[in-house]
C-alpha atoms as a PDB file:
ATOM      1  CA  MET A   1       0.047  -0.002  -0.096  1.00  0.00           C
ATOM      2  CA  PRO A   2       1.548   3.595  -0.991  1.00  0.00           C
ATOM      3  CA  ILE A   3       2.165   5.783   2.120  1.00  0.00           C
ATOM      4  CA  ILE A   4       1.164   8.501  -0.219  1.00  0.00           C
ATOM      5  CA  GLU A   5      -1.803   8.438  -2.803  1.00  0.00           C
ATOM      6  CA  ILE A   6      -3.423  10.935  -4.883  1.00  0.00           C
ATOM      7  CA  GLN A   7      -6.231  10.572  -7.331  1.00  0.00           C
ATOM      8  CA  ASN A   8      -8.256  12.885  -9.465  1.00  0.00           C
ATOM      9  CA  LEU A   9      -6.839  15.990  -7.065  1.00  0.00           C
ATOM     10  CA  THR A  10      -7.808  19.113  -7.984  1.00  0.00           C
ATOM     11  CA  LYS A  11      -7.298  22.623  -5.946  1.00  0.00           C
ATOM     12  CA  THR A  12      -8.959  25.787  -7.106  1.00  0.00           C
ATOM     13  CA  PHE A  13      -8.149  29.160  -5.253  1.00  0.00           C
ATOM     14  CA  ASP A  14     -11.699  31.824  -4.870  1.00  0.00           C
ATOM     15  CA  LEU A  15     -10.010  34.994  -6.365  1.00  0.00           C
ATOM     16  CA  PRO A  16     -12.105  38.476  -6.300  1.00  0.00           C
ATOM     17  CA  GLY A  17     -13.875  38.212  -8.905  1.00  0.00           C
ATOM     18  CA  ARG A  18     -12.759  34.859 -10.752  1.00  0.00           C
ATOM     19  CA  LYS A  19     -11.471  30.869  -9.835  1.00  0.00           C
ATOM     20  CA  VAL A  20      -7.496  30.135  -9.913  1.00  0.00           C
ATOM     21  CA  GLU A  21      -7.464  26.010 -10.816  1.00  0.00           C
ATOM     22  CA  VAL A  22      -3.858  25.602  -9.889  1.00  0.00           C
ATOM     23  CA  LEU A  23      -4.054  22.141  -9.852  1.00  0.00           C
ATOM     24  CA  ARG A  24      -5.912  19.407 -11.886  1.00  0.00           C
ATOM     25  CA  ASP A  25      -6.137  16.106 -12.218  1.00  0.00           C
ATOM     26  CA  ILE A  26      -2.842  14.739 -10.132  1.00  0.00           C
ATOM     27  CA  ASP A  27      -2.310  11.251  -9.832  1.00  0.00           C
ATOM     28  CA  LEU A  28       0.576  10.199  -7.600  1.00  0.00           C
ATOM     29  CA  SER A  29       1.357   7.376  -5.985  1.00  0.00           C
ATOM     30  CA  ILE A  30       4.579   7.501  -3.713  1.00  0.00           C
ATOM     31  CA  LYS A  31       5.612   4.180  -1.780  1.00  0.00           C
ATOM     32  CA  GLU A  32       7.097   4.413   1.920  1.00  0.00           C
ATOM     33  CA  GLY A  33      10.956   4.634   1.655  1.00  0.00           C
ATOM     34  CA  GLU A  34      10.774   6.105  -1.787  1.00  0.00           C
ATOM     35  CA  TYR A  35      12.530   9.311  -2.862  1.00  0.00           C
ATOM     36  CA  ILE A  36      10.377  11.371  -4.684  1.00  0.00           C
ATOM     37  CA  LEU A  37      11.622  15.086  -6.656  1.00  0.00           C
ATOM     38  CA  ILE A  38       9.283  17.076  -8.146  1.00  0.00           C
ATOM     39  CA  PHE A  39      10.490  19.999 -10.860  1.00  0.00           C
ATOM     40  CA  GLY A  40       9.130  22.020 -13.353  1.00  0.00           C
ATOM     41  CA  PRO A  41       8.548  25.753 -13.850  1.00  0.00           C
ATOM     42  CA  SER A  42       7.833  28.168 -11.212  1.00  0.00           C
ATOM     43  CA  GLY A  43       4.109  28.782 -11.019  1.00  0.00           C
ATOM     44  CA  CYS A  44       3.200  25.169 -11.788  1.00  0.00           C
ATOM     45  CA  GLY A  45       1.957  23.867  -8.605  1.00  0.00           C
ATOM     46  CA  LYS A  46       4.779  22.210  -6.568  1.00  0.00           C
ATOM     47  CA  THR A  47       4.360  24.199  -3.242  1.00  0.00           C
ATOM     48  CA  THR A  48       0.584  24.092  -3.196  1.00  0.00           C
ATOM     49  CA  LEU A  49       0.734  19.985  -3.779  1.00  0.00           C
ATOM     50  CA  LEU A  50       3.214  19.750  -1.020  1.00  0.00           C
ATOM     51  CA  ASN A  51       0.994  22.188   0.972  1.00  0.00           C
ATOM     52  CA  LEU A  52      -2.082  19.788   0.157  1.00  0.00           C
ATOM     53  CA  ILE A  53       0.135  16.583   1.387  1.00  0.00           C
ATOM     54  CA  LEU A  54       0.755  18.279   4.485  1.00  0.00           C
ATOM     55  CA  GLY A  55      -2.873  19.200   5.204  1.00  0.00           C
ATOM     56  CA  LEU A  56      -2.037  22.862   5.459  1.00  0.00           C
ATOM     57  CA  GLU A  57      -4.478  23.111   2.444  1.00  0.00           C
ATOM     58  CA  THR A  58      -7.947  21.353   1.677  1.00  0.00           C
ATOM     59  CA  PRO A  59      -8.137  19.595  -2.325  1.00  0.00           C
ATOM     60  CA  THR A  60     -11.266  20.949  -3.653  1.00  0.00           C
ATOM     61  CA  SER A  61     -11.859  17.063  -5.523  1.00  0.00           C
ATOM     62  CA  GLY A  62     -10.229  14.615  -5.562  1.00  0.00           C
ATOM     63  CA  LYS A  63      -8.442  11.921  -3.322  1.00  0.00           C
ATOM     64  CA  LEU A  64      -5.298  12.293  -0.776  1.00  0.00           C
ATOM     65  CA  LYS A  65      -4.751   9.451   1.602  1.00  0.00           C
ATOM     66  CA  VAL A  66      -1.357   9.982   3.960  1.00  0.00           C
ATOM     67  CA  LYS A  67      -0.631   6.671   5.504  1.00  0.00           C
ATOM     68  CA  ASP A  68      -4.282   5.742   4.057  1.00  0.00           C
ATOM     69  CA  LYS A  69      -5.413   8.538   6.411  1.00  0.00           C
ATOM     70  CA  ASN A  70      -8.207  10.740   4.340  1.00  0.00           C
ATOM     71  CA  ILE A  71      -6.483  14.208   5.004  1.00  0.00           C
ATOM     72  CA  GLY A  72      -9.486  16.302   3.291  1.00  0.00           C
ATOM     73  CA  LYS A  73     -12.018  14.745   6.645  1.00  0.00           C
ATOM     74  CA  MET A  74      -9.850  15.651   9.164  1.00  0.00           C
ATOM     75  CA  THR A  75     -10.470  18.721  11.115  1.00  0.00           C
ATOM     76  CA  PRO A  76      -7.900  21.717  11.412  1.00  0.00           C
ATOM     77  CA  LYS A  77      -7.160  20.154  15.076  1.00  0.00           C
ATOM     78  CA  GLU A  78      -6.611  16.534  13.673  1.00  0.00           C
ATOM     79  CA  ARG A  79      -4.432  17.686  10.826  1.00  0.00           C
ATOM     80  CA  SER A  80      -2.626  19.634  12.739  1.00  0.00           C
ATOM     81  CA  ALA A  81      -1.749  16.741  14.923  1.00  0.00           C
ATOM     82  CA  PHE A  82      -1.535  14.328  11.953  1.00  0.00           C
ATOM     83  CA  ARG A  83       1.071  16.256  10.512  1.00  0.00           C
ATOM     84  CA  HIS A  84       3.525  16.938  13.564  1.00  0.00           C
ATOM     85  CA  LYS A  85       3.466  13.070  13.868  1.00  0.00           C
ATOM     86  CA  THR A  86       3.796  12.223  10.480  1.00  0.00           C
ATOM     87  CA  PHE A  87       6.623  14.774   8.397  1.00  0.00           C
ATOM     88  CA  SER A  88       9.599  16.590   9.040  1.00  0.00           C
ATOM     89  CA  THR A  89       9.761  19.671   6.397  1.00  0.00           C
ATOM     90  CA  ILE A  90      12.609  21.656   5.185  1.00  0.00           C
ATOM     91  CA  TYR A  91      11.656  25.372   3.461  1.00  0.00           C
ATOM     92  CA  GLN A  92      14.291  27.804   1.981  1.00  0.00           C
ATOM     93  CA  SER A  93      14.018  30.148   4.255  1.00  0.00           C
ATOM     94  CA  SER A  94      14.137  28.893   8.030  1.00  0.00           C
ATOM     95  CA  VAL A  95      12.012  30.459  11.001  1.00  0.00           C
ATOM     96  CA  TRP A  96      13.548  30.517  14.466  1.00  0.00           C
ATOM     97  CA  LEU A  97      12.812  31.144  18.124  1.00  0.00           C
ATOM     98  CA  LYS A  98      15.593  33.755  18.447  1.00  0.00           C
ATOM     99  CA  SER A  99      15.512  33.588  21.941  1.00  0.00           C
ATOM    100  CA  LEU A 100      16.806  30.246  21.557  1.00  0.00           C
ATOM    101  CA  ASN A 101      20.197  28.526  20.386  1.00  0.00           C
ATOM    102  CA  VAL A 102      20.738  26.402  18.196  1.00  0.00           C
ATOM    103  CA  LEU A 103      20.605  23.407  20.133  1.00  0.00           C
ATOM    104  CA  GLU A 104      17.298  24.546  21.843  1.00  0.00           C
ATOM    105  CA  ASN A 105      15.374  25.613  18.873  1.00  0.00           C
ATOM    106  CA  VAL A 106      16.328  22.094  17.265  1.00  0.00           C
ATOM    107  CA  ALA A 107      15.735  20.539  20.654  1.00  0.00           C
ATOM    108  CA  LEU A 108      11.827  22.431  20.782  1.00  0.00           C
ATOM    109  CA  PRO A 109       9.727  20.272  18.598  1.00  0.00           C
ATOM    110  CA  LEU A 110      10.589  17.033  21.092  1.00  0.00           C
ATOM    111  CA  TYR A 111      10.384  18.898  24.464  1.00  0.00           C
ATOM    112  CA  LEU A 112       6.848  20.499  23.227  1.00  0.00           C
ATOM    113  CA  GLY A 113       6.062  16.740  22.188  1.00  0.00           C
ATOM    114  CA  GLY A 114       6.640  15.723  25.536  1.00  0.00           C
ATOM    115  CA  LEU A 115      10.050  14.860  26.224  1.00  0.00           C
ATOM    116  CA  SER A 116      12.242  16.387  29.045  1.00  0.00           C
ATOM    117  CA  GLU A 117      14.540  18.795  28.562  1.00  0.00           C
ATOM    118  CA  ARG A 118      17.429  16.338  28.988  1.00  0.00           C
ATOM    119  CA  GLU A 119      16.593  13.691  26.739  1.00  0.00           C
ATOM    120  CA  SER A 120      15.182  16.475  23.889  1.00  0.00           C
ATOM    121  CA  LYS A 121      18.504  18.030  24.113  1.00  0.00           C
ATOM    122  CA  GLU A 122      20.505  14.814  24.142  1.00  0.00           C
ATOM    123  CA  LYS A 123      18.445  13.683  20.601  1.00  0.00           C
ATOM    124  CA  ALA A 124      18.705  17.507  19.419  1.00  0.00           C
ATOM    125  CA  GLY A 125      23.065  17.031  19.756  1.00  0.00           C
ATOM    126  CA  GLU A 126      22.527  13.510  17.813  1.00  0.00           C
ATOM    127  CA  ALA A 127      20.354  15.269  15.112  1.00  0.00           C
ATOM    128  CA  LEU A 128      23.002  18.044  14.857  1.00  0.00           C
ATOM    129  CA  LYS A 129      25.878  15.699  14.348  1.00  0.00           C
ATOM    130  CA  THR A 130      24.203  13.652  11.509  1.00  0.00           C
ATOM    131  CA  ALA A 131      23.869  17.186   9.750  1.00  0.00           C
ATOM    132  CA  HIS A 132      27.502  18.414  10.782  1.00  0.00           C
ATOM    133  CA  THR A 133      26.703  20.963  12.457  1.00  0.00           C
ATOM    134  CA  GLU A 134      27.075  20.518  16.129  1.00  0.00           C
ATOM    135  CA  GLU A 135      29.529  23.478  15.881  1.00  0.00           C
ATOM    136  CA  PHE A 136      26.905  25.318  15.739  1.00  0.00           C
ATOM    137  CA  ALA A 137      25.041  24.078  18.852  1.00  0.00           C
ATOM    138  CA  LEU A 138      25.891  27.205  21.349  1.00  0.00           C
ATOM    139  CA  SER A 139      25.180  29.713  18.345  1.00  0.00           C
ATOM    140  CA  ARG A 140      21.679  31.891  17.901  1.00  0.00           C
ATOM    141  CA  PRO A 141      20.605  31.209  14.458  1.00  0.00           C
ATOM    142  CA  ASN A 142      20.833  34.547  13.498  1.00  0.00           C
ATOM    143  CA  GLU A 143      24.574  34.611  14.133  1.00  0.00           C
ATOM    144  CA  LEU A 144      24.548  32.055  11.247  1.00  0.00           C
ATOM    145  CA  SER A 145      24.637  32.629   7.330  1.00  0.00           C
ATOM    146  CA  SER A 146      21.454  31.434   5.357  1.00  0.00           C
ATOM    147  CA  GLY A 147      23.799  28.339   4.142  1.00  0.00           C
ATOM    148  CA  GLU A 148      24.291  27.393   7.904  1.00  0.00           C
ATOM    149  CA  GLN A 149      20.616  28.077   8.841  1.00  0.00           C
ATOM    150  CA  GLN A 150      19.493  25.717   6.290  1.00  0.00           C
ATOM    151  CA  ARG A 151      22.395  22.885   7.404  1.00  0.00           C
ATOM    152  CA  VAL A 152      20.460  23.632  11.052  1.00  0.00           C
ATOM    153  CA  SER A 153      17.097  23.157   9.477  1.00  0.00           C
ATOM    154  CA  LEU A 154      17.999  19.883   8.198  1.00  0.00           C
ATOM    155  CA  ALA A 155      18.680  18.465  11.935  1.00  0.00           C
ATOM    156  CA  ARG A 156      15.731  19.739  13.468  1.00  0.00           C
ATOM    157  CA  ALA A 157      13.792  18.043  10.343  1.00  0.00           C
ATOM    158  CA  MET A 158      15.585  14.913  11.710  1.00  0.00           C
ATOM    159  CA  VAL A 159      15.397  15.397  15.362  1.00  0.00           C
ATOM    160  CA  THR A 160      11.324  14.231  15.306  1.00  0.00           C
ATOM    161  CA  ASP A 161      12.107  10.805  13.301  1.00  0.00           C
ATOM    162  CA  SER A 162       9.271  11.434  11.191  1.00  0.00           C
ATOM    163  CA  GLN A 163       8.917   8.589   8.196  1.00  0.00           C
ATOM    164  CA  ILE A 164       8.157  11.404   5.533  1.00  0.00           C
ATOM    165  CA  ILE A 165      10.612  14.382   4.750  1.00  0.00           C
ATOM    166  CA  ILE A 166       9.704  17.187   2.571  1.00  0.00           C
ATOM    167  CA  ALA A 167      11.838  19.649   1.206  1.00  0.00           C
ATOM    168  CA  ASP A 168      10.953  22.543  -0.566  1.00  0.00           C
ATOM    169  CA  GLU A 169      14.047  24.063  -2.068  1.00  0.00           C
ATOM    170  CA  PRO A 170      15.897  23.209   0.613  1.00  0.00           C
ATOM    171  CA  THR A 171      19.089  24.701  -1.440  1.00  0.00           C
ATOM    172  CA  GLY A 172      17.860  27.469  -2.448  1.00  0.00           C
ATOM    173  CA  ASN A 173      20.010  29.734  -0.118  1.00  0.00           C
ATOM    174  CA  MET A 174      23.215  27.929  -0.099  1.00  0.00           C
ATOM    175  CA  ASP A 175      26.499  27.586  -1.966  1.00  0.00           C
ATOM    176  CA  THR A 176      27.632  24.527  -3.998  1.00  0.00           C
ATOM    177  CA  LYS A 177      29.344  22.990  -1.578  1.00  0.00           C
ATOM    178  CA  ALA A 178      26.456  23.420   1.679  1.00  0.00           C
ATOM    179  CA  GLY A 179      23.730  22.099  -1.185  1.00  0.00           C
ATOM    180  CA  HIS A 180      26.001  19.383  -2.129  1.00  0.00           C
ATOM    181  CA  GLN A 181      26.201  18.443   1.703  1.00  0.00           C
ATOM    182  CA  LEU A 182      22.466  18.624   2.410  1.00  0.00           C
ATOM    183  CA  MET A 183      21.878  16.007  -0.651  1.00  0.00           C
ATOM    184  CA  LYS A 184      24.355  13.818   0.634  1.00  0.00           C
ATOM    185  CA  THR A 185      22.292  14.037   4.433  1.00  0.00           C
ATOM    186  CA  LEU A 186      19.047  13.402   2.538  1.00  0.00           C
ATOM    187  CA  ASP A 187      20.375  10.079   0.771  1.00  0.00           C
ATOM    188  CA  HIS A 188      21.435   9.201   3.985  1.00  0.00           C
ATOM    189  CA  LEU A 189      18.454   9.405   5.629  1.00  0.00           C
ATOM    190  CA  HIS A 190      17.054   7.680   2.286  1.00  0.00           C
ATOM    191  CA  ASP A 191      18.936   4.791   2.915  1.00  0.00           C
ATOM    192  CA  LEU A 192      17.881   4.592   6.514  1.00  0.00           C
ATOM    193  CA  GLY A 193      13.951   4.446   5.061  1.00  0.00           C
ATOM    194  CA  LYS A 194      13.278   7.860   5.130  1.00  0.00           C
ATOM    195  CA  THR A 195      10.520   8.683   2.894  1.00  0.00           C
ATOM    196  CA  ILE A 196      11.635  11.930   1.016  1.00  0.00           C
ATOM    197  CA  ILE A 197       9.868  14.461  -0.880  1.00  0.00           C
ATOM    198  CA  LEU A 198      12.096  16.879  -2.755  1.00  0.00           C
ATOM    199  CA  VAL A 199      10.894  20.106  -5.023  1.00  0.00           C
ATOM    200  CA  THR A 200      13.990  21.924  -6.750  1.00  0.00           C
ATOM    201  CA  HIS A 201      14.374  23.688  -9.895  1.00  0.00           C
ATOM    202  CA  ASN A 202      18.050  21.934  -9.935  1.00  0.00           C
ATOM    203  CA  LEU A 203      18.204  19.472 -12.282  1.00  0.00           C
ATOM    204  CA  SER A 204      21.700  18.479 -11.385  1.00  0.00           C
ATOM    205  CA  TYR A 205      19.853  16.656  -8.146  1.00  0.00           C
ATOM    206  CA  LEU A 206      17.804  13.984 -10.819  1.00  0.00           C
ATOM    207  CA  VAL A 207      20.809  11.602  -9.729  1.00  0.00           C
ATOM    208  CA  HIS A 208      19.614  11.519  -5.909  1.00  0.00           C
ATOM    209  CA  ALA A 209      16.222  10.450  -6.430  1.00  0.00           C
ATOM    210  CA  ASP A 210      14.479   7.135  -7.360  1.00  0.00           C
ATOM    211  CA  THR A 211      11.413   9.025  -9.471  1.00  0.00           C
ATOM    212  CA  LYS A 212      11.379  12.103 -10.997  1.00  0.00           C
ATOM    213  CA  VAL A 213       8.013  13.914 -11.666  1.00  0.00           C
ATOM    214  CA  ALA A 214       7.543  16.704 -13.554  1.00  0.00           C
ATOM    215  CA  MET A 215       4.932  19.379 -13.523  1.00  0.00           C
ATOM    216  CA  LYS A 216       3.473  22.672 -15.746  1.00  0.00           C
ATOM    217  CA  ASP A 217       0.819  24.262 -15.706  1.00  0.00           C
ATOM    218  CA  GLY A 218      -0.773  22.425 -12.476  1.00  0.00           C
ATOM    219  CA  ARG A 219      -0.578  19.078 -13.706  1.00  0.00           C
ATOM    220  CA  ILE A 220       1.747  16.059 -13.892  1.00  0.00           C
ATOM    221  CA  ILE A 221       3.351  15.935 -17.677  1.00  0.00           C
ATOM    222  CA  GLY A 222       5.638  13.120 -16.604  1.00  0.00           C
ATOM    223  CA  ARG A 223       7.057  10.556 -14.145  1.00  0.00           C
ATOM    224  CA  PHE A 224      10.630   8.728 -15.221  1.00  0.00           C
ATOM    225  CA  THR A 225      13.432   6.980 -13.177  1.00  0.00           C
ATOM    226  CA  ALA A 226      16.299   8.000 -15.819  1.00  0.00           C
ATOM    227  CA  ASN A 227      18.783  10.683 -14.134  1.00  0.00           C
ATOM    228  CA  ALA A 228      18.517  12.470 -17.251  1.00  0.00           C
ATOM    229  CA  LEU A 229      15.300  14.906 -18.586  1.00  0.00           C
ATOM    230  CA  PRO A 230      13.601  12.459 -21.504  1.00  0.00           C
ATOM    231  CA  ASN A 231      13.624  14.357 -24.370  1.00  0.00           C
ATOM    232  CA  ASN A 232       9.661  14.648 -24.612  1.00  0.00           C
ATOM    233  CA  ILE A 233       9.323  16.048 -20.877  1.00  0.00           C
ATOM    234  CA  LYS A 234      12.210  18.495 -21.765  1.00  0.00           C
ATOM    235  CA  GLU A 235      10.728  19.361 -24.905  1.00  0.00           C
ATOM    236  CA  GLU A 236       6.739  19.915 -23.207  1.00  0.00           C
ATOM    237  CA  LEU A 237       8.871  22.149 -20.454  1.00  0.00           C
ATOM    238  CA  GLU A 238      10.366  24.431 -23.263  1.00  0.00           C
ATOM    239  CA  GLU A 239       6.961  25.158 -24.898  1.00  0.00           C
ATOM    240  CA  GLU A 240       5.693  28.525 -24.264  1.00  0.00           C
END
């Protein structure tokens, strides 16, 4: 059974005087432990699709199940609890509590989840080591570069040991070396059995994923496993 199953999914936003269909007829099945890379031009619906999977938005129509749970039928409170338990997320820009140091920020999700302060910090320290960021443990997040903050964000995503990791342009603010290190860490998490969903514009990252999904104009135009962009998808993406 897929860990995420999407069928005939559409999402329409009501704007003043008009409706905008952002996603249409999306079919996507993701197996547990699979590494999915989603790419396409800006505005094609990639982030909206992630928000639907996370339960931050609800579908206009269609079916969306995560771990056999229908996200659209949950209450906002149920979706929030399910999201906290099921997903870890990494975004292009990080959000921190500036009054806490890096270790405390990474430990915070565990502490809020009921673990003791001591155990939360121990696990946070382990996550920082795995992400090669232990040197920043006692620093304030605003003392770090954007790339360093993003590497710490990965540690925070890892600390809850969620099964599904969603990364939306995680290397966008990083230099090449730091981006490569983050991708290596995602590879390591995939090797440990985590399900990875990565949205990126960087097609050099195709080699990291099991399955690649191309989007354009709110729909999926191709799904493939090769490490290079197939000609038919390349041609469609290049069309005006």
